[in-house]
């Protein structure tokens, strides 16, 4: 019954209720399934690191199981998203009516055009919604499977390990950090939106420059 009460949109609830399993499932869905674009990837990784440091994660989960779960979920999810894109992505996107998701598709396309495959795939990991749609977009646009796998693994490791370790290090160095967890998550959410805001700003300035 406790697991049924988990809030899938609440990072702390996911980690304290489901531990490593919750981290795996959310990151897999967020990076591999278009329906997962609303899930809390960045804040979940950071929160998992903090709660691992303070021993509050489900079952007292240590850092290593949470790290393994996050890496496995992010890498497997991205690969599944790519395969979905190669086989049925275009038709699936046409059926989706969510405006935010289609905005993410546009941003993902601009990233691929502007930065090339490798850099775009790595950068997308750090941009909400874009990291959900870029994987199927890579499949739709014909990014070679080997190239996609190489860069999605590099980006996935950098994102999951980097953000979770940041939370863990902060959790071990700041006393009673639980008291500040919600404000810190809010800051992370805001910071994760900075690349989106910059991309929108640049796209609006480009026509004027021409």
C-alpha atoms as a PDB file:
ATOM      1  CA  UNK A   1       0.000   0.000   0.000  1.00  0.00           C
ATOM      2  CA  UNK A   2       2.898   2.322   0.707  1.00  0.00           C
ATOM      3  CA  UNK A   3       4.205   2.008  -2.856  1.00  0.00           C
ATOM      4  CA  UNK A   4       0.760   2.733  -4.265  1.00  0.00           C
ATOM      5  CA  UNK A   5       0.826   6.102  -2.504  1.00  0.00           C
ATOM      6  CA  UNK A   6       3.988   7.240  -4.291  1.00  0.00           C
ATOM      7  CA  UNK A   7       3.662  10.530  -6.144  1.00  0.00           C
ATOM      8  CA  UNK A   8       5.316  10.007  -9.554  1.00  0.00           C
ATOM      9  CA  UNK A   9       5.770  13.765  -9.938  1.00  0.00           C
ATOM     10  CA  UNK A  10       7.427  14.159  -6.547  1.00  0.00           C
ATOM     11  CA  UNK A  11      11.160  13.402  -6.514  1.00  0.00           C
ATOM     12  CA  UNK A  12      11.360  12.858  -2.769  1.00  0.00           C
ATOM     13  CA  UNK A  13       8.265  10.640  -2.786  1.00  0.00           C
ATOM     14  CA  UNK A  14       9.716   8.477  -5.568  1.00  0.00           C
ATOM     15  CA  UNK A  15      13.060   7.986  -3.857  1.00  0.00           C
ATOM     16  CA  UNK A  16      11.695   7.385  -0.363  1.00  0.00           C
ATOM     17  CA  UNK A  17       8.889   5.152  -1.631  1.00  0.00           C
ATOM     18  CA  UNK A  18      10.520   3.106  -4.402  1.00  0.00           C
ATOM     19  CA  UNK A  19      14.248   3.763  -4.113  1.00  0.00           C
ATOM     20  CA  UNK A  20      16.401   2.536  -7.007  1.00  0.00           C
ATOM     21  CA  UNK A  21      13.403   0.967  -8.774  1.00  0.00           C
ATOM     22  CA  UNK A  22      11.609   4.311  -8.871  1.00  0.00           C
ATOM     23  CA  UNK A  23      14.701   6.035 -10.257  1.00  0.00           C
ATOM     24  CA  UNK A  24      15.077   3.425 -12.994  1.00  0.00           C
ATOM     25  CA  UNK A  25      11.423   3.519 -14.045  1.00  0.00           C
ATOM     26  CA  UNK A  26      11.164   7.312 -14.173  1.00  0.00           C
ATOM     27  CA  UNK A  27      14.386   7.833 -16.120  1.00  0.00           C
ATOM     28  CA  UNK A  28      13.497   5.045 -18.537  1.00  0.00           C
ATOM     29  CA  UNK A  29      10.072   6.575 -19.184  1.00  0.00           C
ATOM     30  CA  UNK A  30      11.367  10.149 -19.407  1.00  0.00           C
ATOM     31  CA  UNK A  31      14.125   9.346 -21.887  1.00  0.00           C
ATOM     32  CA  UNK A  32      12.492   6.506 -23.802  1.00  0.00           C
ATOM     33  CA  UNK A  33       8.752   7.092 -23.994  1.00  0.00           C
ATOM     34  CA  UNK A  34       7.123  10.253 -25.319  1.00  0.00           C
ATOM     35  CA  UNK A  35       4.496  10.038 -22.568  1.00  0.00           C
ATOM     36  CA  UNK A  36       7.240  10.547 -19.979  1.00  0.00           C
ATOM     37  CA  UNK A  37       8.178  14.099 -20.968  1.00  0.00           C
ATOM     38  CA  UNK A  38       6.573  15.566 -17.809  1.00  0.00           C
ATOM     39  CA  UNK A  39       8.542  13.409 -15.331  1.00  0.00           C
ATOM     40  CA  UNK A  40      11.121  14.998 -12.962  1.00  0.00           C
ATOM     41  CA  UNK A  41      14.457  13.777 -14.330  1.00  0.00           C
ATOM     42  CA  UNK A  42      16.895  16.452 -13.112  1.00  0.00           C
ATOM     43  CA  UNK A  43      15.324  16.953  -9.708  1.00  0.00           C
ATOM     44  CA  UNK A  44      14.979  13.179  -9.202  1.00  0.00           C
ATOM     45  CA  UNK A  45      18.691  12.592  -9.791  1.00  0.00           C
ATOM     46  CA  UNK A  46      19.690  15.392  -7.447  1.00  0.00           C
ATOM     47  CA  UNK A  47      17.200  14.338  -4.778  1.00  0.00           C
ATOM     48  CA  UNK A  48      18.322  10.709  -4.975  1.00  0.00           C
ATOM     49  CA  UNK A  49      21.903  11.818  -4.336  1.00  0.00           C
ATOM     50  CA  UNK A  50      20.914  13.958  -1.359  1.00  0.00           C
ATOM     51  CA  UNK A  51      18.726  11.266   0.187  1.00  0.00           C
ATOM     52  CA  UNK A  52      21.385   8.594  -0.339  1.00  0.00           C
ATOM     53  CA  UNK A  53      23.802  10.796   1.610  1.00  0.00           C
ATOM     54  CA  UNK A  54      21.320  11.246   4.463  1.00  0.00           C
ATOM     55  CA  UNK A  55      20.089   7.626   4.473  1.00  0.00           C
ATOM     56  CA  UNK A  56      16.466   8.590   3.766  1.00  0.00           C
ATOM     57  CA  UNK A  57      16.080   6.707   0.461  1.00  0.00           C
ATOM     58  CA  UNK A  58      13.790   3.667   0.396  1.00  0.00           C
ATOM     59  CA  UNK A  59      15.320   0.821   2.393  1.00  0.00           C
ATOM     60  CA  UNK A  60      18.292   3.056   3.175  1.00  0.00           C
ATOM     61  CA  UNK A  61      19.453   2.711  -0.442  1.00  0.00           C
ATOM     62  CA  UNK A  62      23.126   3.504  -0.784  1.00  0.00           C
ATOM     63  CA  UNK A  63      24.533   5.687  -3.543  1.00  0.00           C
ATOM     64  CA  UNK A  64      25.760   2.839  -5.764  1.00  0.00           C
ATOM     65  CA  UNK A  65      22.369   1.128  -6.353  1.00  0.00           C
ATOM     66  CA  UNK A  66      20.782   4.491  -7.118  1.00  0.00           C
ATOM     67  CA  UNK A  67      23.590   5.374  -9.537  1.00  0.00           C
ATOM     68  CA  UNK A  68      23.343   2.021 -11.311  1.00  0.00           C
ATOM     69  CA  UNK A  69      19.556   2.367 -11.582  1.00  0.00           C
ATOM     70  CA  UNK A  70      19.802   5.894 -12.970  1.00  0.00           C
ATOM     71  CA  UNK A  71      22.432   4.992 -15.565  1.00  0.00           C
ATOM     72  CA  UNK A  72      20.539   1.853 -16.619  1.00  0.00           C
ATOM     73  CA  UNK A  73      17.225   3.716 -16.917  1.00  0.00           C
ATOM     74  CA  UNK A  74      18.665   6.656 -18.845  1.00  0.00           C
ATOM     75  CA  UNK A  75      20.722   4.569 -21.282  1.00  0.00           C
ATOM     76  CA  UNK A  76      18.094   1.894 -21.907  1.00  0.00           C
ATOM     77  CA  UNK A  77      15.368   4.514 -22.258  1.00  0.00           C
ATOM     78  CA  UNK A  78      17.298   6.533 -24.829  1.00  0.00           C
ATOM     79  CA  UNK A  79      18.020   3.444 -26.899  1.00  0.00           C
ATOM     80  CA  UNK A  80      14.360   2.398 -26.833  1.00  0.00           C
ATOM     81  CA  UNK A  81      13.324   5.935 -27.823  1.00  0.00           C
ATOM     82  CA  UNK A  82      15.703   5.810 -30.776  1.00  0.00           C
ATOM     83  CA  UNK A  83      14.308   2.458 -31.928  1.00  0.00           C
ATOM     84  CA  UNK A  84      10.750   3.764 -31.613  1.00  0.00           C
ATOM     85  CA  UNK A  85      11.729   6.742 -33.756  1.00  0.00           C
ATOM     86  CA  UNK A  86      13.258   4.551 -36.457  1.00  0.00           C
ATOM     87  CA  UNK A  87      10.219   2.302 -36.696  1.00  0.00           C
ATOM     88  CA  UNK A  88       7.172   4.403 -35.930  1.00  0.00           C
ATOM     89  CA  UNK A  89       8.263   7.794 -34.630  1.00  0.00           C
ATOM     90  CA  UNK A  90       6.921  10.078 -37.325  1.00  0.00           C
ATOM     91  CA  UNK A  91       3.435   8.558 -37.246  1.00  0.00           C
ATOM     92  CA  UNK A  92       3.424   8.625 -33.442  1.00  0.00           C
ATOM     93  CA  UNK A  93       4.389  12.289 -33.284  1.00  0.00           C
ATOM     94  CA  UNK A  94       1.598  13.200 -35.696  1.00  0.00           C
ATOM     95  CA  UNK A  95      -0.936  11.707 -33.297  1.00  0.00           C
ATOM     96  CA  UNK A  96       0.362  13.615 -30.271  1.00  0.00           C
ATOM     97  CA  UNK A  97      -1.510  16.875 -29.609  1.00  0.00           C
ATOM     98  CA  UNK A  98       0.478  18.211 -26.639  1.00  0.00           C
ATOM     99  CA  UNK A  99       1.862  21.670 -27.483  1.00  0.00           C
ATOM    100  CA  UNK A 100       4.784  21.410 -25.062  1.00  0.00           C
ATOM    101  CA  UNK A 101       5.901  18.143 -26.602  1.00  0.00           C
ATOM    102  CA  UNK A 102       5.813  19.581 -30.126  1.00  0.00           C
ATOM    103  CA  UNK A 103       7.830  22.583 -28.949  1.00  0.00           C
ATOM    104  CA  UNK A 104      10.370  20.087 -27.648  1.00  0.00           C
ATOM    105  CA  UNK A 105      10.430  18.391 -31.051  1.00  0.00           C
ATOM    106  CA  UNK A 106      11.190  21.742 -32.701  1.00  0.00           C
ATOM    107  CA  UNK A 107      14.017  22.432 -30.234  1.00  0.00           C
ATOM    108  CA  UNK A 108      15.426  18.934 -30.720  1.00  0.00           C
ATOM    109  CA  UNK A 109      15.458  19.446 -34.483  1.00  0.00           C
ATOM    110  CA  UNK A 110      17.267  22.766 -34.092  1.00  0.00           C
ATOM    111  CA  UNK A 111      19.858  21.164 -31.817  1.00  0.00           C
ATOM    112  CA  UNK A 112      20.604  18.457 -34.367  1.00  0.00           C
ATOM    113  CA  UNK A 113      20.852  20.982 -37.199  1.00  0.00           C
ATOM    114  CA  UNK A 114      22.946  23.475 -35.273  1.00  0.00           C
ATOM    115  CA  UNK A 115      25.407  21.292 -33.346  1.00  0.00           C
ATOM    116  CA  UNK A 116      25.577  18.024 -35.258  1.00  0.00           C
ATOM    117  CA  UNK A 117      24.816  14.566 -33.928  1.00  0.00           C
ATOM    118  CA  UNK A 118      27.306  14.168 -31.083  1.00  0.00           C
ATOM    119  CA  UNK A 119      27.035  17.529 -29.386  1.00  0.00           C
ATOM    120  CA  UNK A 120      23.263  17.697 -29.789  1.00  0.00           C
ATOM    121  CA  UNK A 121      22.708  14.253 -28.260  1.00  0.00           C
ATOM    122  CA  UNK A 122      24.881  15.112 -25.246  1.00  0.00           C
ATOM    123  CA  UNK A 123      23.382  18.591 -24.738  1.00  0.00           C
ATOM    124  CA  UNK A 124      19.834  17.255 -24.971  1.00  0.00           C
ATOM    125  CA  UNK A 125      20.361  15.249 -21.784  1.00  0.00           C
ATOM    126  CA  UNK A 126      20.386  18.485 -19.811  1.00  0.00           C
ATOM    127  CA  UNK A 127      17.266  20.055 -21.361  1.00  0.00           C
ATOM    128  CA  UNK A 128      13.822  18.986 -20.091  1.00  0.00           C
ATOM    129  CA  UNK A 129      11.401  17.668 -22.745  1.00  0.00           C
ATOM    130  CA  UNK A 130      14.171  17.853 -25.377  1.00  0.00           C
ATOM    131  CA  UNK A 131      15.882  14.842 -23.797  1.00  0.00           C
ATOM    132  CA  UNK A 132      12.583  12.977 -24.222  1.00  0.00           C
ATOM    133  CA  UNK A 133      12.011  13.789 -27.878  1.00  0.00           C
ATOM    134  CA  UNK A 134      15.541  13.963 -29.266  1.00  0.00           C
ATOM    135  CA  UNK A 135      16.003  10.183 -29.052  1.00  0.00           C
ATOM    136  CA  UNK A 136      13.057   9.325 -31.328  1.00  0.00           C
ATOM    137  CA  UNK A 137      13.954  12.358 -33.473  1.00  0.00           C
ATOM    138  CA  UNK A 138      17.413  10.868 -33.994  1.00  0.00           C
ATOM    139  CA  UNK A 139      15.771   7.673 -35.194  1.00  0.00           C
ATOM    140  CA  UNK A 140      13.346   9.513 -37.457  1.00  0.00           C
ATOM    141  CA  UNK A 141      16.059  11.640 -39.073  1.00  0.00           C
ATOM    142  CA  UNK A 142      18.359   8.678 -39.727  1.00  0.00           C
ATOM    143  CA  UNK A 143      21.183   9.261 -37.248  1.00  0.00           C
ATOM    144  CA  UNK A 144      23.378   6.124 -37.602  1.00  0.00           C
ATOM    145  CA  UNK A 145      22.757   3.645 -34.775  1.00  0.00           C
ATOM    146  CA  UNK A 146      26.428   3.408 -33.799  1.00  0.00           C
ATOM    147  CA  UNK A 147      26.847   7.183 -33.648  1.00  0.00           C
ATOM    148  CA  UNK A 148      23.675   7.593 -31.610  1.00  0.00           C
ATOM    149  CA  UNK A 149      24.629   4.854 -29.146  1.00  0.00           C
ATOM    150  CA  UNK A 150      28.118   6.260 -28.585  1.00  0.00           C
ATOM    151  CA  UNK A 151      26.936   9.778 -27.828  1.00  0.00           C
ATOM    152  CA  UNK A 152      23.818   8.882 -25.885  1.00  0.00           C
ATOM    153  CA  UNK A 153      25.951   6.717 -23.572  1.00  0.00           C
ATOM    154  CA  UNK A 154      28.444   9.557 -23.106  1.00  0.00           C
ATOM    155  CA  UNK A 155      25.699  12.100 -22.446  1.00  0.00           C
ATOM    156  CA  UNK A 156      23.712   9.725 -20.249  1.00  0.00           C
ATOM    157  CA  UNK A 157      26.686   8.981 -18.015  1.00  0.00           C
ATOM    158  CA  UNK A 158      27.619  12.647 -17.733  1.00  0.00           C
ATOM    159  CA  UNK A 159      24.051  13.655 -16.847  1.00  0.00           C
ATOM    160  CA  UNK A 160      23.084  10.898 -14.412  1.00  0.00           C
ATOM    161  CA  UNK A 161      26.377  10.514 -12.575  1.00  0.00           C
ATOM    162  CA  UNK A 162      27.124  14.233 -12.539  1.00  0.00           C
ATOM    163  CA  UNK A 163      23.775  15.415 -11.190  1.00  0.00           C
ATOM    164  CA  UNK A 164      23.407  12.606  -8.640  1.00  0.00           C
ATOM    165  CA  UNK A 165      26.949  13.020  -7.331  1.00  0.00           C
ATOM    166  CA  UNK A 166      26.331  16.760  -6.981  1.00  0.00           C
ATOM    167  CA  UNK A 167      23.363  15.984  -4.757  1.00  0.00           C
ATOM    168  CA  UNK A 168      25.304  13.374  -2.802  1.00  0.00           C
ATOM    169  CA  UNK A 169      28.285  15.651  -2.168  1.00  0.00           C
ATOM    170  CA  UNK A 170      25.987  18.435  -1.029  1.00  0.00           C
ATOM    171  CA  UNK A 171      24.112  16.007   1.208  1.00  0.00           C
ATOM    172  CA  UNK A 172      27.305  14.907   2.925  1.00  0.00           C
ATOM    173  CA  UNK A 173      28.617  18.428   3.454  1.00  0.00           C
ATOM    174  CA  UNK A 174      25.542  20.414   4.556  1.00  0.00           C
ATOM    175  CA  UNK A 175      24.020  19.553   7.959  1.00  0.00           C
ATOM    176  CA  UNK A 176      20.233  19.000   8.012  1.00  0.00           C
ATOM    177  CA  UNK A 177      20.080  19.408   4.245  1.00  0.00           C
ATOM    178  CA  UNK A 178      16.600  17.841   4.212  1.00  0.00           C
ATOM    179  CA  UNK A 179      15.287  21.159   5.512  1.00  0.00           C
ATOM    180  CA  UNK A 180      16.433  22.869   2.310  1.00  0.00           C
ATOM    181  CA  UNK A 181      15.605  20.127  -0.194  1.00  0.00           C
ATOM    182  CA  UNK A 182      12.466  21.685  -1.679  1.00  0.00           C
ATOM    183  CA  UNK A 183      14.052  25.120  -2.315  1.00  0.00           C
ATOM    184  CA  UNK A 184      17.060  23.408  -3.913  1.00  0.00           C
ATOM    185  CA  UNK A 185      14.817  21.340  -6.178  1.00  0.00           C
ATOM    186  CA  UNK A 186      13.055  24.539  -7.227  1.00  0.00           C
ATOM    187  CA  UNK A 187      16.433  26.075  -8.112  1.00  0.00           C
ATOM    188  CA  UNK A 188      17.367  22.985 -10.147  1.00  0.00           C
ATOM    189  CA  UNK A 189      14.100  23.145 -12.071  1.00  0.00           C
ATOM    190  CA  UNK A 190      14.708  26.816 -12.866  1.00  0.00           C
ATOM    191  CA  UNK A 191      18.306  26.161 -13.934  1.00  0.00           C
ATOM    192  CA  UNK A 192      17.211  23.277 -16.151  1.00  0.00           C
ATOM    193  CA  UNK A 193      14.962  25.702 -18.017  1.00  0.00           C
ATOM    194  CA  UNK A 194      17.804  28.153 -18.740  1.00  0.00           C
ATOM    195  CA  UNK A 195      18.962  26.324 -21.927  1.00  0.00           C
ATOM    196  CA  UNK A 196      15.389  26.347 -23.196  1.00  0.00           C
ATOM    197  CA  UNK A 197      15.057  30.078 -22.555  1.00  0.00           C
ATOM    198  CA  UNK A 198      18.385  30.784 -24.270  1.00  0.00           C
ATOM    199  CA  UNK A 199      17.386  28.741 -27.314  1.00  0.00           C
ATOM    200  CA  UNK A 200      14.056  30.579 -27.579  1.00  0.00           C
ATOM    201  CA  UNK A 201      15.846  33.926 -27.238  1.00  0.00           C
ATOM    202  CA  UNK A 202      18.379  33.042 -29.944  1.00  0.00           C
ATOM    203  CA  UNK A 203      15.720  31.725 -32.310  1.00  0.00           C
ATOM    204  CA  UNK A 204      13.789  34.997 -31.991  1.00  0.00           C
ATOM    205  CA  UNK A 205      16.881  37.122 -32.564  1.00  0.00           C
ATOM    206  CA  UNK A 206      18.063  35.199 -35.627  1.00  0.00           C
ATOM    207  CA  UNK A 207      15.355  36.470 -38.026  1.00  0.00           C
ATOM    208  CA  UNK A 208      16.019  40.029 -36.836  1.00  0.00           C
ATOM    209  CA  UNK A 209      19.744  39.641 -37.485  1.00  0.00           C
ATOM    210  CA  UNK A 210      18.976  38.591 -41.034  1.00  0.00           C
END
